[in-house]
Amino acid sequence: MSVAFLTSPRDVVAQADTKELSMSERAIAFVEEWVSENIHAEGYEPEGDHSQAAAFAAQCLASSKAEGITEAEMKRAFDDLTQFMAAAIETANDDEVARQASKDDSF
């Protein structure tokens, strides 16, 4: 007697990989939206001080849980959420500096 599989084990692995990818994509999309709504140019963090970035990471993680995104999903998508937030803070400030510089150049 042979057993017929509706899906092969390879298909099951591919489906699991796709599900994990979509879960990671969901976490990434959530964080990108969260950053755009919550991180604004408010000044650079002092060198080596990532306390603001850590606070943002904790707030973002709490918000993601409220949206049904698990901490495991977030960790799969972001190796270091605090470092990601630190980079987002720096980018927001750099963008504002560039905006102000281009505004000054227009005179």
C-alpha atoms as a PDB file:
ATOM      1  CA  MET A   1       0.000   0.000   0.000  1.00  0.00           C
ATOM      2  CA  SER A   2       1.413   3.325  -0.997  1.00  0.00           C
ATOM      3  CA  VAL A   3       0.577   6.591   0.632  1.00  0.00           C
ATOM      4  CA  ALA A   4      -0.184   9.533  -1.579  1.00  0.00           C
ATOM      5  CA  PHE A   5       0.685  12.923  -0.201  1.00  0.00           C
ATOM      6  CA  LEU A   6      -1.387  15.912  -1.211  1.00  0.00           C
ATOM      7  CA  THR A   7       1.737  17.991  -0.748  1.00  0.00           C
ATOM      8  CA  SER A   8       5.309  16.859  -0.690  1.00  0.00           C
ATOM      9  CA  PRO A   9       7.573  17.503   2.280  1.00  0.00           C
ATOM     10  CA  ARG A  10       9.469  19.937   0.053  1.00  0.00           C
ATOM     11  CA  ASP A  11       6.205  21.879  -0.495  1.00  0.00           C
ATOM     12  CA  VAL A  12       5.596  21.955   3.255  1.00  0.00           C
ATOM     13  CA  VAL A  13       9.064  23.428   3.820  1.00  0.00           C
ATOM     14  CA  ALA A  14       8.474  25.980   1.050  1.00  0.00           C
ATOM     15  CA  GLN A  15       5.132  26.932   2.601  1.00  0.00           C
ATOM     16  CA  ALA A  16       6.783  27.313   6.017  1.00  0.00           C
ATOM     17  CA  ASP A  17       9.504  29.488   4.478  1.00  0.00           C
ATOM     18  CA  THR A  18       6.851  31.621   2.757  1.00  0.00           C
ATOM     19  CA  LYS A  19       4.877  31.965   5.982  1.00  0.00           C
ATOM     20  CA  GLU A  20       8.003  32.979   7.895  1.00  0.00           C
ATOM     21  CA  LEU A  21       8.894  35.450   5.165  1.00  0.00           C
ATOM     22  CA  SER A  22       5.445  36.985   5.221  1.00  0.00           C
ATOM     23  CA  MET A  23       5.595  37.174   9.022  1.00  0.00           C
ATOM     24  CA  SER A  24       8.960  38.932   8.783  1.00  0.00           C
ATOM     25  CA  GLU A  25       7.598  41.233   6.107  1.00  0.00           C
ATOM     26  CA  ARG A  26       4.669  42.047   8.394  1.00  0.00           C
ATOM     27  CA  ALA A  27       7.063  42.918  11.224  1.00  0.00           C
ATOM     28  CA  ILE A  28       9.235  45.036   8.928  1.00  0.00           C
ATOM     29  CA  ALA A  29       6.234  46.904   7.529  1.00  0.00           C
ATOM     30  CA  PHE A  30       4.939  47.518  11.055  1.00  0.00           C
ATOM     31  CA  VAL A  31       8.273  48.915  12.261  1.00  0.00           C
ATOM     32  CA  GLU A  32       8.707  51.108   9.189  1.00  0.00           C
ATOM     33  CA  GLU A  33       5.254  52.618   9.725  1.00  0.00           C
ATOM     34  CA  TRP A  34       5.844  52.964  13.475  1.00  0.00           C
ATOM     35  CA  VAL A  35       9.134  54.782  12.848  1.00  0.00           C
ATOM     36  CA  SER A  36       7.549  57.179  10.346  1.00  0.00           C
ATOM     37  CA  GLU A  37       4.826  58.043  12.855  1.00  0.00           C
ATOM     38  CA  ASN A  38       6.959  58.248  16.003  1.00  0.00           C
ATOM     39  CA  ILE A  39      10.544  59.229  15.236  1.00  0.00           C
ATOM     40  CA  HIS A  40      11.136  62.830  14.242  1.00  0.00           C
ATOM     41  CA  ALA A  41      14.119  65.131  14.231  1.00  0.00           C
ATOM     42  CA  GLU A  42      14.541  66.118  17.849  1.00  0.00           C
ATOM     43  CA  GLY A  43      18.310  66.238  18.078  1.00  0.00           C
ATOM     44  CA  TYR A  44      21.071  63.671  17.971  1.00  0.00           C
ATOM     45  CA  GLU A  45      21.675  61.248  20.816  1.00  0.00           C
ATOM     46  CA  PRO A  46      24.990  61.805  22.609  1.00  0.00           C
ATOM     47  CA  GLU A  47      27.756  59.548  21.288  1.00  0.00           C
ATOM     48  CA  GLY A  48      27.382  56.064  22.762  1.00  0.00           C
ATOM     49  CA  ASP A  49      24.060  56.883  24.476  1.00  0.00           C
ATOM     50  CA  HIS A  50      21.244  54.882  22.944  1.00  0.00           C
ATOM     51  CA  SER A  51      18.753  55.363  25.769  1.00  0.00           C
ATOM     52  CA  GLN A  52      16.262  57.140  23.508  1.00  0.00           C
ATOM     53  CA  ALA A  53      16.645  54.413  20.879  1.00  0.00           C
ATOM     54  CA  ALA A  54      16.111  51.745  23.556  1.00  0.00           C
ATOM     55  CA  ALA A  55      12.972  53.535  24.744  1.00  0.00           C
ATOM     56  CA  PHE A  56      11.676  53.718  21.170  1.00  0.00           C
ATOM     57  CA  ALA A  57      12.463  50.020  20.662  1.00  0.00           C
ATOM     58  CA  ALA A  58      10.516  49.101  23.808  1.00  0.00           C
ATOM     59  CA  GLN A  59       7.562  51.273  22.746  1.00  0.00           C
ATOM     60  CA  CYS A  60       7.589  49.793  19.251  1.00  0.00           C
ATOM     61  CA  LEU A  61       7.769  46.245  20.608  1.00  0.00           C
ATOM     62  CA  ALA A  62       4.812  46.915  22.918  1.00  0.00           C
ATOM     63  CA  SER A  63       2.842  48.394  20.029  1.00  0.00           C
ATOM     64  CA  SER A  64       3.665  45.428  17.798  1.00  0.00           C
ATOM     65  CA  LYS A  65       2.412  43.002  20.443  1.00  0.00           C
ATOM     66  CA  ALA A  66      -0.835  44.967  20.630  1.00  0.00           C
ATOM     67  CA  GLU A  67      -1.138  44.469  16.848  1.00  0.00           C
ATOM     68  CA  GLY A  68      -0.627  40.717  17.176  1.00  0.00           C
ATOM     69  CA  ILE A  69       3.000  40.621  16.055  1.00  0.00           C
ATOM     70  CA  THR A  70       4.967  38.385  18.375  1.00  0.00           C
ATOM     71  CA  GLU A  71       8.321  39.213  19.885  1.00  0.00           C
ATOM     72  CA  ALA A  72       9.712  36.185  18.040  1.00  0.00           C
ATOM     73  CA  GLU A  73       8.562  37.676  14.713  1.00  0.00           C
ATOM     74  CA  MET A  74      10.196  40.974  15.607  1.00  0.00           C
ATOM     75  CA  LYS A  75      13.459  39.266  16.545  1.00  0.00           C
ATOM     76  CA  ARG A  76      13.485  37.319  13.275  1.00  0.00           C
ATOM     77  CA  ALA A  77      13.007  40.548  11.339  1.00  0.00           C
ATOM     78  CA  PHE A  78      15.407  42.724  13.372  1.00  0.00           C
ATOM     79  CA  ASP A  79      18.628  41.454  14.907  1.00  0.00           C
ATOM     80  CA  ASP A  80      18.869  44.561  17.090  1.00  0.00           C
ATOM     81  CA  LEU A  81      15.763  46.746  17.241  1.00  0.00           C
ATOM     82  CA  THR A  82      17.523  49.311  19.458  1.00  0.00           C
ATOM     83  CA  GLN A  83      20.279  49.751  16.871  1.00  0.00           C
ATOM     84  CA  PHE A  84      17.631  50.071  14.151  1.00  0.00           C
ATOM     85  CA  MET A  85      15.925  52.819  16.179  1.00  0.00           C
ATOM     86  CA  ALA A  86      19.272  54.572  16.747  1.00  0.00           C
ATOM     87  CA  ALA A  87      19.820  54.606  12.978  1.00  0.00           C
ATOM     88  CA  ALA A  88      16.268  55.906  12.441  1.00  0.00           C
ATOM     89  CA  ILE A  89      16.873  58.742  14.922  1.00  0.00           C
ATOM     90  CA  GLU A  90      20.112  59.676  13.171  1.00  0.00           C
ATOM     91  CA  THR A  91      18.450  59.514   9.731  1.00  0.00           C
ATOM     92  CA  ALA A  92      15.569  61.722  10.872  1.00  0.00           C
ATOM     93  CA  ASN A  93      18.039  64.289  12.182  1.00  0.00           C
ATOM     94  CA  ASP A  94      20.275  64.078   9.096  1.00  0.00           C
ATOM     95  CA  ASP A  95      17.243  64.574   6.849  1.00  0.00           C
ATOM     96  CA  GLU A  96      16.181  67.628   8.833  1.00  0.00           C
ATOM     97  CA  VAL A  97      19.682  69.107   8.674  1.00  0.00           C
ATOM     98  CA  ALA A  98      19.710  68.581   4.896  1.00  0.00           C
ATOM     99  CA  ARG A  99      16.237  70.111   4.590  1.00  0.00           C
ATOM    100  CA  GLN A 100      17.301  73.170   6.567  1.00  0.00           C
ATOM    101  CA  ALA A 101      20.528  73.487   4.552  1.00  0.00           C
ATOM    102  CA  SER A 102      18.655  73.374   1.249  1.00  0.00           C
ATOM    103  CA  LYS A 103      16.197  75.925   2.599  1.00  0.00           C
ATOM    104  CA  ASP A 104      19.091  78.229   3.493  1.00  0.00           C
ATOM    105  CA  ASP A 105      20.620  77.745   0.024  1.00  0.00           C
ATOM    106  CA  SER A 106      17.440  78.962  -1.650  1.00  0.00           C
ATOM    107  CA  PHE A 107      17.992  82.567  -0.517  1.00  0.00           C
END
